[in-house]
Amino acid sequence: MRFLSLAALKLGFADLTTKRHSALLLSSAGKTYEPILLGKKALIDALPAALTGGKPLTDEQSVNPALPKDLDARVFAYFDELSEMRGAALAARSKKAAAIPPAVPPAAP
């Protein structure tokens, strides 16, 4: 496996900080990296459950009325706007490049 999922990392950090915590502290490297690993675990634990293997976002939306109902439409609209802005920027760049005359080589004596 090339990349670990957030769910796998969450499970691994939970195992490391409970069952294997004493083994982690047996080595000097484990003692050195313990605060860093605990910080990473806290960051992953703070993520929404939908990202770390919990309930899907649609189920969470039905329970939590504070979440917008049209979240997927908003995300797609955002990316559509980005695509349009990129297209306009490329068109402006090519128009500007077309306005610059090509360099003329000097005439031979």
PDB file of N, CA and C in Angstrom:
ATOM      1  N   MET A   1       0.850  -1.169   0.000  1.00  0.00           N
ATOM      2  CA  MET A   1       0.000   0.000   0.000  1.00  0.00           C
ATOM      3  C   MET A   1       0.897   1.234   0.000  1.00  0.00           C
ATOM      4  N   ARG A   2       0.652   2.119  -0.942  1.00  0.00           N
ATOM      5  CA  ARG A   2       1.515   3.283  -1.085  1.00  0.00           C
ATOM      6  C   ARG A   2       1.128   4.394  -0.122  1.00  0.00           C
ATOM      7  N   PHE A   3      -0.167   4.629   0.041  1.00  0.00           N
ATOM      8  CA  PHE A   3      -0.645   5.688   0.916  1.00  0.00           C
ATOM      9  C   PHE A   3      -1.608   5.109   1.943  1.00  0.00           C
ATOM     10  N   LEU A   4      -1.576   5.650   3.146  1.00  0.00           N
ATOM     11  CA  LEU A   4      -2.520   5.232   4.177  1.00  0.00           C
ATOM     12  C   LEU A   4      -3.715   6.163   4.165  1.00  0.00           C
ATOM     13  N   SER A   5      -4.897   5.613   4.399  1.00  0.00           N
ATOM     14  CA  SER A   5      -6.092   6.445   4.485  1.00  0.00           C
ATOM     15  C   SER A   5      -6.144   7.096   5.868  1.00  0.00           C
ATOM     16  N   LEU A   6      -6.977   8.115   5.980  1.00  0.00           N
ATOM     17  CA  LEU A   6      -7.130   8.776   7.284  1.00  0.00           C
ATOM     18  C   LEU A   6      -7.724   7.820   8.309  1.00  0.00           C
ATOM     19  N   ALA A   7      -8.606   6.930   7.858  1.00  0.00           N
ATOM     20  CA  ALA A   7      -9.193   5.951   8.781  1.00  0.00           C
ATOM     21  C   ALA A   7      -8.120   5.017   9.319  1.00  0.00           C
ATOM     22  N   ALA A   8      -7.202   4.571   8.443  1.00  0.00           N
ATOM     23  CA  ALA A   8      -6.121   3.687   8.881  1.00  0.00           C
ATOM     24  C   ALA A   8      -5.177   4.417   9.827  1.00  0.00           C
ATOM     25  N   LEU A   9      -4.862   5.677   9.531  1.00  0.00           N
ATOM     26  CA  LEU A   9      -3.994   6.450  10.422  1.00  0.00           C
ATOM     27  C   LEU A   9      -4.644   6.650  11.785  1.00  0.00           C
ATOM     28  N   LYS A  10      -5.931   6.939  11.781  1.00  0.00           N
ATOM     29  CA  LYS A  10      -6.638   7.139  13.049  1.00  0.00           C
ATOM     30  C   LYS A  10      -6.602   5.860  13.890  1.00  0.00           C
ATOM     31  N   LEU A  11      -6.828   4.739  13.249  1.00  0.00           N
ATOM     32  CA  LEU A  11      -6.786   3.454  13.943  1.00  0.00           C
ATOM     33  C   LEU A  11      -5.379   3.155  14.456  1.00  0.00           C
ATOM     34  N   GLY A  12      -4.361   3.418  13.632  1.00  0.00           N
ATOM     35  CA  GLY A  12      -2.981   3.171  14.044  1.00  0.00           C
ATOM     36  C   GLY A  12      -2.547   4.050  15.202  1.00  0.00           C
ATOM     37  N   PHE A  13      -2.907   5.334  15.151  1.00  0.00           N
ATOM     38  CA  PHE A  13      -2.564   6.233  16.257  1.00  0.00           C
ATOM     39  C   PHE A  13      -3.283   5.834  17.544  1.00  0.00           C
ATOM     40  N   ALA A  14      -4.533   5.395  17.424  1.00  0.00           N
ATOM     41  CA  ALA A  14      -5.265   4.950  18.609  1.00  0.00           C
ATOM     42  C   ALA A  14      -4.585   3.742  19.233  1.00  0.00           C
ATOM     43  N   ASP A  15      -4.146   2.795  18.395  1.00  0.00           N
ATOM     44  CA  ASP A  15      -3.452   1.613  18.903  1.00  0.00           C
ATOM     45  C   ASP A  15      -2.111   1.989  19.522  1.00  0.00           C
ATOM     46  N   LEU A  16      -1.396   2.896  18.877  1.00  0.00           N
ATOM     47  CA  LEU A  16      -0.075   3.308  19.367  1.00  0.00           C
ATOM     48  C   LEU A  16      -0.162   4.021  20.719  1.00  0.00           C
ATOM     49  N   THR A  17      -1.204   4.810  20.906  1.00  0.00           N
ATOM     50  CA  THR A  17      -1.305   5.587  22.151  1.00  0.00           C
ATOM     51  C   THR A  17      -2.007   4.835  23.274  1.00  0.00           C
ATOM     52  N   THR A  18      -2.549   3.650  22.996  1.00  0.00           N
ATOM     53  CA  THR A  18      -3.185   2.879  24.069  1.00  0.00           C
ATOM     54  C   THR A  18      -2.401   1.601  24.334  1.00  0.00           C
ATOM     55  N   LYS A  19      -2.545   0.607  23.473  1.00  0.00           N
ATOM     56  CA  LYS A  19      -1.932  -0.705  23.694  1.00  0.00           C
ATOM     57  C   LYS A  19      -0.408  -0.680  23.606  1.00  0.00           C
ATOM     58  N   ARG A  20       0.132   0.097  22.712  1.00  0.00           N
ATOM     59  CA  ARG A  20       1.573   0.053  22.450  1.00  0.00           C
ATOM     60  C   ARG A  20       2.325   1.274  22.991  1.00  0.00           C
ATOM     61  N   HIS A  21       1.686   2.039  23.854  1.00  0.00           N
ATOM     62  CA  HIS A  21       2.328   3.260  24.355  1.00  0.00           C
ATOM     63  C   HIS A  21       3.580   2.943  25.173  1.00  0.00           C
ATOM     64  N   SER A  22       3.523   1.915  25.989  1.00  0.00           N
ATOM     65  CA  SER A  22       4.708   1.564  26.795  1.00  0.00           C
ATOM     66  C   SER A  22       5.856   1.119  25.891  1.00  0.00           C
ATOM     67  N   ALA A  23       5.551   0.395  24.809  1.00  0.00           N
ATOM     68  CA  ALA A  23       6.594  -0.030  23.873  1.00  0.00           C
ATOM     69  C   ALA A  23       7.185   1.174  23.136  1.00  0.00           C
ATOM     70  N   LEU A  24       6.366   2.163  22.867  1.00  0.00           N
ATOM     71  CA  LEU A  24       6.851   3.372  22.203  1.00  0.00           C
ATOM     72  C   LEU A  24       7.883   4.088  23.062  1.00  0.00           C
ATOM     73  N   LEU A  25       7.647   4.120  24.360  1.00  0.00           N
ATOM     74  CA  LEU A  25       8.524   4.854  25.268  1.00  0.00           C
ATOM     75  C   LEU A  25       9.780   4.077  25.664  1.00  0.00           C
ATOM     76  N   LEU A  26       9.921   2.837  25.216  1.00  0.00           N
ATOM     77  CA  LEU A  26      11.113   2.058  25.552  1.00  0.00           C
ATOM     78  C   LEU A  26      12.355   2.564  24.814  1.00  0.00           C
ATOM     79  N   SER A  27      12.180   3.136  23.646  1.00  0.00           N
ATOM     80  CA  SER A  27      13.338   3.608  22.886  1.00  0.00           C
ATOM     81  C   SER A  27      13.472   5.120  23.004  1.00  0.00           C
ATOM     82  N   SER A  28      14.675   5.604  22.783  1.00  0.00           N
ATOM     83  CA  SER A  28      14.883   7.052  22.845  1.00  0.00           C
ATOM     84  C   SER A  28      14.196   7.740  21.664  1.00  0.00           C
ATOM     85  N   ALA A  29      14.125   7.069  20.514  1.00  0.00           N
ATOM     86  CA  ALA A  29      13.418   7.644  19.361  1.00  0.00           C
ATOM     87  C   ALA A  29      11.932   7.773  19.670  1.00  0.00           C
ATOM     88  N   GLY A  30      11.372   6.764  20.323  1.00  0.00           N
ATOM     89  CA  GLY A  30       9.960   6.821  20.698  1.00  0.00           C
ATOM     90  C   GLY A  30       9.681   7.961  21.658  1.00  0.00           C
ATOM     91  N   LYS A  31      10.581   8.163  22.616  1.00  0.00           N
ATOM     92  CA  LYS A  31      10.419   9.278  23.556  1.00  0.00           C
ATOM     93  C   LYS A  31      10.527  10.616  22.836  1.00  0.00           C
ATOM     94  N   THR A  32      11.414  10.684  21.853  1.00  0.00           N
ATOM     95  CA  THR A  32      11.606  11.927  21.106  1.00  0.00           C
ATOM     96  C   THR A  32      10.387  12.254  20.250  1.00  0.00           C
ATOM     97  N   TYR A  33       9.851  11.241  19.577  1.00  0.00           N
ATOM     98  CA  TYR A  33       8.761  11.477  18.636  1.00  0.00           C
ATOM     99  C   TYR A  33       7.368  11.421  19.267  1.00  0.00           C
ATOM    100  N   GLU A  34       7.270  11.042  20.544  1.00  0.00           N
ATOM    101  CA  GLU A  34       5.955  10.927  21.184  1.00  0.00           C
ATOM    102  C   GLU A  34       5.137  12.223  21.094  1.00  0.00           C
ATOM    103  N   PRO A  35       5.688  13.402  21.420  1.00  0.00           N
ATOM    104  CA  PRO A  35       4.872  14.611  21.321  1.00  0.00           C
ATOM    105  C   PRO A  35       4.414  14.923  19.898  1.00  0.00           C
ATOM    106  N   ILE A  36       5.266  14.630  18.924  1.00  0.00           N
ATOM    107  CA  ILE A  36       4.900  14.875  17.526  1.00  0.00           C
ATOM    108  C   ILE A  36       3.768  13.941  17.113  1.00  0.00           C
ATOM    109  N   LEU A  37       3.885  12.662  17.475  1.00  0.00           N
ATOM    110  CA  LEU A  37       2.855  11.690  17.130  1.00  0.00           C
ATOM    111  C   LEU A  37       1.531  12.011  17.816  1.00  0.00           C
ATOM    112  N   LEU A  38       1.599  12.446  19.071  1.00  0.00           N
ATOM    113  CA  LEU A  38       0.366  12.817  19.770  1.00  0.00           C
ATOM    114  C   LEU A  38      -0.279  14.047  19.137  1.00  0.00           C
ATOM    115  N   GLY A  39       0.534  14.969  18.645  1.00  0.00           N
ATOM    116  CA  GLY A  39      -0.002  16.134  17.950  1.00  0.00           C
ATOM    117  C   GLY A  39      -0.690  15.741  16.651  1.00  0.00           C
ATOM    118  N   LYS A  40      -0.072  14.838  15.897  1.00  0.00           N
ATOM    119  CA  LYS A  40      -0.683  14.348  14.654  1.00  0.00           C
ATOM    120  C   LYS A  40      -1.981  13.605  14.949  1.00  0.00           C
ATOM    121  N   LYS A  41      -1.987  12.822  16.035  1.00  0.00           N
ATOM    122  CA  LYS A  41      -3.211  12.104  16.418  1.00  0.00           C
ATOM    123  C   LYS A  41      -4.324  13.088  16.754  1.00  0.00           C
ATOM    124  N   ALA A  42      -3.985  14.166  17.453  1.00  0.00           N
ATOM    125  CA  ALA A  42      -4.997  15.164  17.808  1.00  0.00           C
ATOM    126  C   ALA A  42      -5.555  15.833  16.558  1.00  0.00           C
ATOM    127  N   LEU A  43      -4.695  16.091  15.570  1.00  0.00           N
ATOM    128  CA  LEU A  43      -5.170  16.702  14.323  1.00  0.00           C
ATOM    129  C   LEU A  43      -6.131  15.778  13.577  1.00  0.00           C
ATOM    130  N   ILE A  44      -5.799  14.495  13.521  1.00  0.00           N
ATOM    131  CA  ILE A  44      -6.661  13.543  12.822  1.00  0.00           C
ATOM    132  C   ILE A  44      -7.960  13.339  13.595  1.00  0.00           C
ATOM    133  N   ASP A  45      -7.881  13.320  14.920  1.00  0.00           N
ATOM    134  CA  ASP A  45      -9.099  13.169  15.721  1.00  0.00           C
ATOM    135  C   ASP A  45     -10.033  14.372  15.580  1.00  0.00           C
ATOM    136  N   ALA A  46      -9.478  15.535  15.257  1.00  0.00           N
ATOM    137  CA  ALA A  46     -10.299  16.733  15.119  1.00  0.00           C
ATOM    138  C   ALA A  46     -11.031  16.798  13.780  1.00  0.00           C
ATOM    139  N   LEU A  47     -10.656  15.939  12.827  1.00  0.00           N
ATOM    140  CA  LEU A  47     -11.316  15.935  11.517  1.00  0.00           C
ATOM    141  C   LEU A  47     -12.745  15.418  11.636  1.00  0.00           C
ATOM    142  N   PRO A  48     -13.625  15.807  10.717  1.00  0.00           N
ATOM    143  CA  PRO A  48     -14.992  15.276  10.738  1.00  0.00           C
ATOM    144  C   PRO A  48     -14.994  13.765  10.555  1.00  0.00           C
ATOM    145  N   ALA A  49     -15.960  13.121  11.153  1.00  0.00           N
ATOM    146  CA  ALA A  49     -16.037  11.659  11.087  1.00  0.00           C
ATOM    147  C   ALA A  49     -16.193  11.156   9.661  1.00  0.00           C
ATOM    148  N   ALA A  50     -16.790  11.951   8.795  1.00  0.00           N
ATOM    149  CA  ALA A  50     -16.975  11.525   7.404  1.00  0.00           C
ATOM    150  C   ALA A  50     -15.639  11.329   6.692  1.00  0.00           C
ATOM    151  N   LEU A  51     -14.599  12.024   7.114  1.00  0.00           N
ATOM    152  CA  LEU A  51     -13.291  11.893   6.486  1.00  0.00           C
ATOM    153  C   LEU A  51     -12.466  10.758   7.065  1.00  0.00           C
ATOM    154  N   THR A  52     -12.797  10.325   8.262  1.00  0.00           N
ATOM    155  CA  THR A  52     -11.968   9.321   8.932  1.00  0.00           C
ATOM    156  C   THR A  52     -12.687   7.993   9.128  1.00  0.00           C
ATOM    157  N   GLY A  53     -13.633   7.695   8.248  1.00  0.00           N
ATOM    158  CA  GLY A  53     -14.280   6.396   8.302  1.00  0.00           C
ATOM    159  C   GLY A  53     -15.554   6.359   9.117  1.00  0.00           C
ATOM    160  N   GLY A  54     -16.074   7.494   9.512  1.00  0.00           N
ATOM    161  CA  GLY A  54     -17.319   7.521  10.280  1.00  0.00           C
ATOM    162  C   GLY A  54     -18.525   7.577   9.369  1.00  0.00           C
ATOM    163  N   LYS A  55     -19.598   8.203   9.863  1.00  0.00           N
ATOM    164  CA  LYS A  55     -20.821   8.325   9.079  1.00  0.00           C
ATOM    165  C   LYS A  55     -20.571   9.176   7.848  1.00  0.00           C
ATOM    166  N   PRO A  56     -21.190   8.824   6.732  1.00  0.00           N
ATOM    167  CA  PRO A  56     -21.064   9.683   5.549  1.00  0.00           C
ATOM    168  C   PRO A  56     -21.669  11.059   5.804  1.00  0.00           C
ATOM    169  N   LEU A  57     -21.199  12.038   5.063  1.00  0.00           N
ATOM    170  CA  LEU A  57     -21.645  13.411   5.262  1.00  0.00           C
ATOM    171  C   LEU A  57     -23.145  13.559   5.048  1.00  0.00           C
ATOM    172  N   THR A  58     -23.722  12.775   4.143  1.00  0.00           N
ATOM    173  CA  THR A  58     -25.161  12.890   3.908  1.00  0.00           C
ATOM    174  C   THR A  58     -25.950  12.466   5.133  1.00  0.00           C
ATOM    175  N   ASP A  59     -25.489  11.425   5.826  1.00  0.00           N
ATOM    176  CA  ASP A  59     -26.161  11.025   7.060  1.00  0.00           C
ATOM    177  C   ASP A  59     -25.993  12.088   8.135  1.00  0.00           C
ATOM    178  N   GLU A  60     -24.822  12.689   8.195  1.00  0.00           N
ATOM    179  CA  GLU A  60     -24.569  13.728   9.186  1.00  0.00           C
ATOM    180  C   GLU A  60     -25.417  14.966   8.899  1.00  0.00           C
ATOM    181  N   GLN A  61     -25.642  15.262   7.620  1.00  0.00           N
ATOM    182  CA  GLN A  61     -26.471  16.410   7.262  1.00  0.00           C
ATOM    183  C   GLN A  61     -27.905  16.211   7.707  1.00  0.00           C
ATOM    184  N   SER A  62     -28.402  14.988   7.627  1.00  0.00           N
ATOM    185  CA  SER A  62     -29.786  14.757   8.026  1.00  0.00           C
ATOM    186  C   SER A  62     -29.962  14.915   9.526  1.00  0.00           C
ATOM    187  N   VAL A  63     -28.901  14.700  10.289  1.00  0.00           N
ATOM    188  CA  VAL A  63     -28.974  14.837  11.742  1.00  0.00           C
ATOM    189  C   VAL A  63     -28.663  16.265  12.182  1.00  0.00           C
ATOM    190  N   ASN A  64     -27.704  16.922  11.519  1.00  0.00           N
ATOM    191  CA  ASN A  64     -27.266  18.255  11.914  1.00  0.00           C
ATOM    192  C   ASN A  64     -27.883  19.301  10.981  1.00  0.00           C
ATOM    193  N   PRO A  65     -28.883  20.038  11.461  1.00  0.00           N
ATOM    194  CA  PRO A  65     -29.537  21.012  10.582  1.00  0.00           C
ATOM    195  C   PRO A  65     -28.682  22.242  10.282  1.00  0.00           C
ATOM    196  N   ALA A  66     -27.579  22.411  10.997  1.00  0.00           N
ATOM    197  CA  ALA A  66     -26.716  23.584  10.761  1.00  0.00           C
ATOM    198  C   ALA A  66     -25.930  23.457   9.464  1.00  0.00           C
ATOM    199  N   LEU A  67     -25.742  22.233   8.977  1.00  0.00           N
ATOM    200  CA  LEU A  67     -25.013  22.034   7.724  1.00  0.00           C
ATOM    201  C   LEU A  67     -25.901  22.400   6.545  1.00  0.00           C
ATOM    202  N   PRO A  68     -25.343  23.046   5.527  1.00  0.00           N
ATOM    203  CA  PRO A  68     -26.162  23.414   4.366  1.00  0.00           C
ATOM    204  C   PRO A  68     -26.624  22.178   3.595  1.00  0.00           C
ATOM    205  N   LYS A  69     -27.848  22.220   3.107  1.00  0.00           N
ATOM    206  CA  LYS A  69     -28.412  21.077   2.387  1.00  0.00           C
ATOM    207  C   LYS A  69     -27.873  20.982   0.963  1.00  0.00           C
ATOM    208  N   ASP A  70     -27.457  22.090   0.395  1.00  0.00           N
ATOM    209  CA  ASP A  70     -26.984  22.097  -0.987  1.00  0.00           C
ATOM    210  C   ASP A  70     -25.461  22.180  -1.057  1.00  0.00           C
ATOM    211  N   LEU A  71     -24.795  21.491  -0.147  1.00  0.00           N
ATOM    212  CA  LEU A  71     -23.340  21.568  -0.079  1.00  0.00           C
ATOM    213  C   LEU A  71     -22.682  21.091  -1.368  1.00  0.00           C
ATOM    214  N   ASP A  72     -23.181  19.993  -1.932  1.00  0.00           N
ATOM    215  CA  ASP A  72     -22.577  19.488  -3.164  1.00  0.00           C
ATOM    216  C   ASP A  72     -22.738  20.478  -4.310  1.00  0.00           C
ATOM    217  N   ALA A  73     -23.889  21.123  -4.402  1.00  0.00           N
ATOM    218  CA  ALA A  73     -24.092  22.117  -5.458  1.00  0.00           C
ATOM    219  C   ALA A  73     -23.158  23.305  -5.274  1.00  0.00           C
ATOM    220  N   ARG A  74     -22.931  23.697  -4.020  1.00  0.00           N
ATOM    221  CA  ARG A  74     -22.015  24.807  -3.749  1.00  0.00           C
ATOM    222  C   ARG A  74     -20.587  24.458  -4.150  1.00  0.00           C
ATOM    223  N   VAL A  75     -20.167  23.240  -3.865  1.00  0.00           N
ATOM    224  CA  VAL A  75     -18.807  22.813  -4.214  1.00  0.00           C
ATOM    225  C   VAL A  75     -18.638  22.799  -5.727  1.00  0.00           C
ATOM    226  N   PHE A  76     -19.608  22.224  -6.444  1.00  0.00           N
ATOM    227  CA  PHE A  76     -19.512  22.192  -7.907  1.00  0.00           C
ATOM    228  C   PHE A  76     -19.540  23.592  -8.496  1.00  0.00           C
ATOM    229  N   ALA A  77     -20.356  24.481  -7.945  1.00  0.00           N
ATOM    230  CA  ALA A  77     -20.418  25.858  -8.440  1.00  0.00           C
ATOM    231  C   ALA A  77     -19.076  26.559  -8.230  1.00  0.00           C
ATOM    232  N   TYR A  78     -18.445  26.303  -7.092  1.00  0.00           N
ATOM    233  CA  TYR A  78     -17.143  26.904  -6.808  1.00  0.00           C
ATOM    234  C   TYR A  78     -16.114  26.483  -7.855  1.00  0.00           C
ATOM    235  N   PHE A  79     -16.067  25.171  -8.155  1.00  0.00           N
ATOM    236  CA  PHE A  79     -15.095  24.697  -9.130  1.00  0.00           C
ATOM    237  C   PHE A  79     -15.434  25.161 -10.544  1.00  0.00           C
ATOM    238  N   ASP A  80     -16.719  25.315 -10.845  1.00  0.00           N
ATOM    239  CA  ASP A  80     -17.096  25.874 -12.144  1.00  0.00           C
ATOM    240  C   ASP A  80     -16.608  27.304 -12.282  1.00  0.00           C
ATOM    241  N   GLU A  81     -16.744  28.083 -11.202  1.00  0.00           N
ATOM    242  CA  GLU A  81     -16.249  29.464 -11.222  1.00  0.00           C
ATOM    243  C   GLU A  81     -14.739  29.504 -11.417  1.00  0.00           C
ATOM    244  N   LEU A  82     -14.021  28.626 -10.726  1.00  0.00           N
ATOM    245  CA  LEU A  82     -12.565  28.574 -10.893  1.00  0.00           C
ATOM    246  C   LEU A  82     -12.186  28.244 -12.326  1.00  0.00           C
ATOM    247  N   SER A  83     -12.911  27.327 -12.926  1.00  0.00           N
ATOM    248  CA  SER A  83     -12.624  26.945 -14.303  1.00  0.00           C
ATOM    249  C   SER A  83     -12.882  28.115 -15.255  1.00  0.00           C
ATOM    250  N   GLU A  84     -13.969  28.841 -15.032  1.00  0.00           N
ATOM    251  CA  GLU A  84     -14.275  30.002 -15.874  1.00  0.00           C
ATOM    252  C   GLU A  84     -13.215  31.092 -15.704  1.00  0.00           C
ATOM    253  N   MET A  85     -12.780  31.323 -14.467  1.00  0.00           N
ATOM    254  CA  MET A  85     -11.758  32.344 -14.218  1.00  0.00           C
ATOM    255  C   MET A  85     -10.443  31.948 -14.891  1.00  0.00           C
ATOM    256  N   ARG A  86     -10.104  30.675 -14.841  1.00  0.00           N
ATOM    257  CA  ARG A  86      -8.869  30.206 -15.472  1.00  0.00           C
ATOM    258  C   ARG A  86      -8.958  30.382 -16.981  1.00  0.00           C
ATOM    259  N   GLY A  87     -10.119  30.061 -17.558  1.00  0.00           N
ATOM    260  CA  GLY A  87     -10.302  30.227 -18.991  1.00  0.00           C
ATOM    261  C   GLY A  87     -10.190  31.683 -19.412  1.00  0.00           C
ATOM    262  N   ALA A  88     -10.775  32.579 -18.609  1.00  0.00           N
ATOM    263  CA  ALA A  88     -10.687  34.004 -18.924  1.00  0.00           C
ATOM    264  C   ALA A  88      -9.250  34.501 -18.814  1.00  0.00           C
ATOM    265  N   ALA A  89      -8.519  34.017 -17.833  1.00  0.00           N
ATOM    266  CA  ALA A  89      -7.120  34.431 -17.667  1.00  0.00           C
ATOM    267  C   ALA A  89      -6.274  33.940 -18.833  1.00  0.00           C
ATOM    268  N   LEU A  90      -6.504  32.707 -19.281  1.00  0.00           N
ATOM    269  CA  LEU A  90      -5.752  32.185 -20.421  1.00  0.00           C
ATOM    270  C   LEU A  90      -6.080  32.943 -21.701  1.00  0.00           C
ATOM    271  N   ALA A  91      -7.355  33.309 -21.878  1.00  0.00           N
ATOM    272  CA  ALA A  91      -7.745  34.074 -23.065  1.00  0.00           C
ATOM    273  C   ALA A  91      -7.090  35.443 -23.059  1.00  0.00           C
ATOM    274  N   ALA A  92      -7.064  36.088 -21.900  1.00  0.00           N
ATOM    275  CA  ALA A  92      -6.438  37.406 -21.803  1.00  0.00           C
ATOM    276  C   ALA A  92      -4.943  37.305 -22.073  1.00  0.00           C
ATOM    277  N   ARG A  93      -4.328  36.247 -21.578  1.00  0.00           N
ATOM    278  CA  ARG A  93      -2.885  36.066 -21.786  1.00  0.00           C
ATOM    279  C   ARG A  93      -2.573  35.844 -23.269  1.00  0.00           C
ATOM    280  N   SER A  94      -3.379  35.027 -23.943  1.00  0.00           N
ATOM    281  CA  SER A  94      -3.110  34.773 -25.360  1.00  0.00           C
ATOM    282  C   SER A  94      -3.393  36.022 -26.202  1.00  0.00           C
ATOM    283  N   LYS A  95      -4.402  36.814 -25.810  1.00  0.00           N
ATOM    284  CA  LYS A  95      -4.692  38.061 -26.524  1.00  0.00           C
ATOM    285  C   LYS A  95      -3.533  39.041 -26.379  1.00  0.00           C
ATOM    286  N   LYS A  96      -2.966  39.094 -25.144  1.00  0.00           N
ATOM    287  CA  LYS A  96      -1.831  39.978 -24.890  1.00  0.00           C
ATOM    288  C   LYS A  96      -0.610  39.518 -25.689  1.00  0.00           C
ATOM    289  N   ALA A  97      -0.386  38.207 -25.764  1.00  0.00           N
ATOM    290  CA  ALA A  97       0.755  37.669 -26.496  1.00  0.00           C
ATOM    291  C   ALA A  97       0.603  37.920 -27.998  1.00  0.00           C
ATOM    292  N   ALA A  98      -0.624  37.902 -28.494  1.00  0.00           N
ATOM    293  CA  ALA A  98      -0.854  38.140 -29.917  1.00  0.00           C
ATOM    294  C   ALA A  98      -0.607  39.599 -30.276  1.00  0.00           C
ATOM    295  N   ALA A  99      -0.774  40.505 -29.307  1.00  0.00           N
ATOM    296  CA  ALA A  99      -0.597  41.922 -29.565  1.00  0.00           C
ATOM    297  C   ALA A  99       0.877  42.316 -29.661  1.00  0.00           C
ATOM    298  N   ILE A 100       1.762  41.484 -29.148  1.00  0.00           N
ATOM    299  CA  ILE A 100       3.200  41.794 -29.183  1.00  0.00           C
ATOM    300  C   ILE A 100       3.739  41.337 -30.542  1.00  0.00           C
ATOM    301  N   PRO A 101       4.308  42.260 -31.318  1.00  0.00           N
ATOM    302  CA  PRO A 101       4.829  41.881 -32.643  1.00  0.00           C
ATOM    303  C   PRO A 101       6.053  40.989 -32.492  1.00  0.00           C
ATOM    304  N   PRO A 102       6.235  40.075 -33.438  1.00  0.00           N
ATOM    305  CA  PRO A 102       7.417  39.206 -33.368  1.00  0.00           C
ATOM    306  C   PRO A 102       8.693  39.994 -33.608  1.00  0.00           C
ATOM    307  N   ALA A 103       9.755  39.529 -33.029  1.00  0.00           N
ATOM    308  CA  ALA A 103      11.047  40.196 -33.190  1.00  0.00           C
ATOM    309  C   ALA A 103      11.530  40.022 -34.623  1.00  0.00           C
ATOM    310  N   VAL A 104      11.992  41.122 -35.213  1.00  0.00           N
ATOM    311  CA  VAL A 104      12.488  41.075 -36.596  1.00  0.00           C
ATOM    312  C   VAL A 104      14.008  40.982 -36.528  1.00  0.00           C
ATOM    313  N   PRO A 105      14.588  39.988 -37.199  1.00  0.00           N
ATOM    314  CA  PRO A 105      16.040  39.884 -37.175  1.00  0.00           C
ATOM    315  C   PRO A 105      16.670  41.056 -37.923  1.00  0.00           C
ATOM    316  N   PRO A 106      17.835  41.508 -37.496  1.00  0.00           N
ATOM    317  CA  PRO A 106      18.482  42.629 -38.177  1.00  0.00           C
ATOM    318  C   PRO A 106      18.841  42.257 -39.613  1.00  0.00           C
ATOM    319  N   ALA A 107      18.789  43.255 -40.486  1.00  0.00           N
ATOM    320  CA  ALA A 107      19.104  43.029 -41.906  1.00  0.00           C
ATOM    321  C   ALA A 107      20.591  42.785 -42.070  1.00  0.00           C
ATOM    322  N   ALA A 108      20.949  41.928 -42.985  1.00  0.00           N
ATOM    323  CA  ALA A 108      22.349  41.606 -43.235  1.00  0.00           C
ATOM    324  C   ALA A 108      23.000  42.753 -44.009  1.00  0.00           C
ATOM    325  N   PRO A 109      24.242  43.151 -43.659  1.00  0.00           N
ATOM    326  CA  PRO A 109      24.908  44.278 -44.383  1.00  0.00           C
ATOM    327  C   PRO A 109      25.409  43.933 -45.743  1.00  0.00           C
TER     328      PRO A 109
END
